[in-house]
Amino acid sequence: MKKLITIVLFSISLNAYAGNAFWNGYIEFITTISYQQGVRCGYNYNGQTIYQVFLGGNCPSSIDVY
């Protein structure tokens, strides 16, 4: 029984979802090393600023953070 509980808790923790980060208005147009156009977007998550690069020209209003 103890092994079963451990396995169940471990499988739940693998699928843990932390939350959403919301775009803070920061956008920087970039060219990738493969010469594609993209954007570097700033997001606020849990009091911290994180950055994500996307191909194309726009930033999603929120992203999933795991």
N, C-alpha and C. Protein backbone atom coordinates (compact mmCIF):
# COMPACT_ATOMS: atom_id res chain seq x y z
N MET A 1 0.82 -1.19 0.00
CA MET A 1 0.00 0.00 0.00
C MET A 1 0.86 1.26 0.00
N LYS A 2 1.95 1.22 0.75
CA LYS A 2 2.83 2.38 0.82
C LYS A 2 3.46 2.67 -0.55
N LYS A 3 3.80 1.62 -1.29
CA LYS A 3 4.37 1.80 -2.63
C LYS A 3 3.33 2.43 -3.57
N LEU A 4 2.10 1.99 -3.47
CA LEU A 4 1.04 2.53 -4.31
C LEU A 4 0.83 4.02 -4.05
N ILE A 5 0.81 4.41 -2.81
CA ILE A 5 0.65 5.82 -2.46
C ILE A 5 1.82 6.63 -2.99
N THR A 6 3.01 6.11 -2.85
CA THR A 6 4.20 6.81 -3.36
C THR A 6 4.13 6.99 -4.88
N ILE A 7 3.71 5.95 -5.58
CA ILE A 7 3.60 6.03 -7.04
C ILE A 7 2.55 7.04 -7.45
N VAL A 8 1.41 7.03 -6.79
CA VAL A 8 0.34 7.98 -7.12
C VAL A 8 0.79 9.41 -6.87
N LEU A 9 1.42 9.67 -5.74
CA LEU A 9 1.89 11.03 -5.44
C LEU A 9 2.96 11.48 -6.42
N PHE A 10 3.84 10.57 -6.81
CA PHE A 10 4.88 10.92 -7.77
C PHE A 10 4.29 11.24 -9.13
N SER A 11 3.31 10.47 -9.58
CA SER A 11 2.69 10.74 -10.88
C SER A 11 1.92 12.05 -10.87
N ILE A 12 1.31 12.40 -9.75
CA ILE A 12 0.63 13.70 -9.65
C ILE A 12 1.63 14.83 -9.72
N SER A 13 2.78 14.68 -9.07
CA SER A 13 3.77 15.75 -9.07
C SER A 13 4.39 15.96 -10.45
N LEU A 14 4.45 14.91 -11.27
CA LEU A 14 4.98 15.06 -12.63
C LEU A 14 4.07 15.91 -13.50
N ASN A 15 2.79 15.91 -13.20
CA ASN A 15 1.83 16.68 -13.98
C ASN A 15 1.46 17.98 -13.28
N ALA A 16 2.26 18.42 -12.37
CA ALA A 16 1.95 19.64 -11.61
C ALA A 16 1.97 20.85 -12.53
N TYR A 17 1.02 21.72 -12.34
CA TYR A 17 0.88 22.92 -13.14
C TYR A 17 1.08 24.11 -12.22
N ALA A 18 2.04 24.95 -12.53
CA ALA A 18 2.36 26.06 -11.64
C ALA A 18 1.42 27.24 -11.83
N GLY A 19 1.14 27.63 -13.07
CA GLY A 19 0.24 28.75 -13.27
C GLY A 19 0.50 29.49 -14.56
N ASN A 20 0.04 30.73 -14.61
CA ASN A 20 0.19 31.58 -15.79
C ASN A 20 1.11 32.75 -15.50
N ALA A 21 1.85 33.14 -16.51
CA ALA A 21 2.62 34.37 -16.48
C ALA A 21 1.95 35.33 -17.45
N PHE A 22 1.86 36.59 -17.06
CA PHE A 22 1.13 37.57 -17.87
C PHE A 22 2.09 38.58 -18.48
N TRP A 23 1.84 38.90 -19.74
CA TRP A 23 2.69 39.82 -20.50
C TRP A 23 2.72 41.18 -19.84
N ASN A 24 3.92 41.73 -19.66
CA ASN A 24 4.08 43.02 -19.00
C ASN A 24 4.28 44.17 -19.98
N GLY A 25 4.14 43.92 -21.28
CA GLY A 25 4.26 44.97 -22.28
C GLY A 25 5.63 45.05 -22.94
N TYR A 26 6.61 44.30 -22.41
CA TYR A 26 7.95 44.31 -22.98
C TYR A 26 7.97 43.48 -24.25
N ILE A 27 8.48 44.07 -25.32
CA ILE A 27 8.65 43.35 -26.58
C ILE A 27 9.93 43.85 -27.25
N GLU A 28 10.71 42.93 -27.74
CA GLU A 28 11.95 43.25 -28.45
C GLU A 28 11.97 42.41 -29.72
N PHE A 29 12.09 43.06 -30.86
CA PHE A 29 12.13 42.34 -32.14
C PHE A 29 13.54 41.82 -32.35
N ILE A 30 13.64 40.54 -32.70
CA ILE A 30 14.95 39.90 -32.81
C ILE A 30 15.04 39.12 -34.12
N THR A 31 16.26 38.73 -34.46
CA THR A 31 16.52 37.78 -35.53
C THR A 31 17.23 36.59 -34.91
N THR A 32 16.72 35.39 -35.14
CA THR A 32 17.30 34.20 -34.54
C THR A 32 18.58 33.81 -35.26
N ILE A 33 19.27 32.82 -34.72
CA ILE A 33 20.52 32.38 -35.37
C ILE A 33 20.26 31.70 -36.70
N SER A 34 19.01 31.31 -36.94
CA SER A 34 18.65 30.74 -38.24
C SER A 34 18.00 31.80 -39.15
N TYR A 35 18.18 33.07 -38.80
CA TYR A 35 17.73 34.23 -39.57
C TYR A 35 16.21 34.33 -39.70
N GLN A 36 15.49 33.82 -38.71
CA GLN A 36 14.04 33.99 -38.67
C GLN A 36 13.72 35.20 -37.80
N GLN A 37 12.61 35.85 -38.11
CA GLN A 37 12.17 36.99 -37.32
C GLN A 37 11.38 36.49 -36.11
N GLY A 38 11.60 37.12 -34.98
CA GLY A 38 10.90 36.72 -33.77
C GLY A 38 10.78 37.89 -32.81
N VAL A 39 10.19 37.61 -31.67
CA VAL A 39 10.04 38.61 -30.62
C VAL A 39 10.46 37.99 -29.29
N ARG A 40 11.06 38.82 -28.46
CA ARG A 40 11.39 38.44 -27.09
C ARG A 40 10.42 39.19 -26.20
N CYS A 41 9.61 38.45 -25.45
CA CYS A 41 8.52 39.03 -24.67
C CYS A 41 8.81 38.90 -23.18
N GLY A 42 8.44 39.91 -22.43
CA GLY A 42 8.60 39.88 -20.98
C GLY A 42 7.29 39.53 -20.31
N TYR A 43 7.36 38.69 -19.29
CA TYR A 43 6.19 38.25 -18.55
C TYR A 43 6.43 38.37 -17.05
N ASN A 44 5.37 38.66 -16.31
CA ASN A 44 5.43 38.69 -14.86
C ASN A 44 4.87 37.39 -14.33
N TYR A 45 5.64 36.77 -13.45
CA TYR A 45 5.19 35.54 -12.80
C TYR A 45 5.70 35.51 -11.37
N ASN A 46 4.78 35.49 -10.44
CA ASN A 46 5.11 35.37 -9.03
C ASN A 46 6.11 36.43 -8.58
N GLY A 47 5.92 37.66 -9.05
CA GLY A 47 6.79 38.76 -8.66
C GLY A 47 8.11 38.83 -9.40
N GLN A 48 8.32 37.97 -10.37
CA GLN A 48 9.56 37.97 -11.14
C GLN A 48 9.27 38.22 -12.61
N THR A 49 10.25 38.76 -13.31
CA THR A 49 10.14 38.96 -14.75
C THR A 49 10.85 37.81 -15.44
N ILE A 50 10.14 37.16 -16.35
CA ILE A 50 10.73 36.10 -17.17
C ILE A 50 10.57 36.49 -18.63
N TYR A 51 11.41 35.92 -19.49
CA TYR A 51 11.39 36.24 -20.91
C TYR A 51 11.19 34.97 -21.71
N GLN A 52 10.46 35.12 -22.81
CA GLN A 52 10.21 34.00 -23.72
C GLN A 52 10.34 34.51 -25.15
N VAL A 53 10.95 33.72 -26.01
CA VAL A 53 11.11 34.09 -27.42
C VAL A 53 10.09 33.33 -28.25
N PHE A 54 9.44 34.05 -29.16
CA PHE A 54 8.46 33.46 -30.06
C PHE A 54 8.82 33.83 -31.49
N LEU A 55 8.60 32.92 -32.41
CA LEU A 55 8.75 33.25 -33.82
C LEU A 55 7.53 34.04 -34.26
N GLY A 56 7.73 34.96 -35.17
CA GLY A 56 6.62 35.80 -35.62
C GLY A 56 6.75 37.20 -35.04
N GLY A 57 5.62 37.86 -34.86
CA GLY A 57 5.69 39.25 -34.45
C GLY A 57 4.79 39.67 -33.32
N ASN A 58 4.26 38.74 -32.53
CA ASN A 58 3.41 39.18 -31.43
C ASN A 58 3.65 38.35 -30.19
N CYS A 59 3.28 38.92 -29.04
CA CYS A 59 3.41 38.25 -27.74
C CYS A 59 2.03 37.81 -27.26
N PRO A 60 1.91 36.55 -26.88
CA PRO A 60 0.65 36.12 -26.27
C PRO A 60 0.42 36.86 -24.95
N SER A 61 -0.83 37.09 -24.59
CA SER A 61 -1.13 37.84 -23.38
C SER A 61 -0.76 37.06 -22.12
N SER A 62 -0.74 35.73 -22.21
CA SER A 62 -0.30 34.92 -21.08
C SER A 62 0.31 33.62 -21.59
N ILE A 63 1.18 33.04 -20.77
CA ILE A 63 1.81 31.76 -21.09
C ILE A 63 1.72 30.86 -19.88
N ASP A 64 1.74 29.55 -20.12
CA ASP A 64 1.73 28.58 -19.04
C ASP A 64 3.14 28.42 -18.50
N VAL A 65 3.26 28.36 -17.18
CA VAL A 65 4.55 28.16 -16.53
C VAL A 65 4.46 26.85 -15.75
N TYR A 66 5.44 25.97 -15.96
CA TYR A 66 5.44 24.66 -15.29
C TYR A 66 6.56 24.58 -14.30
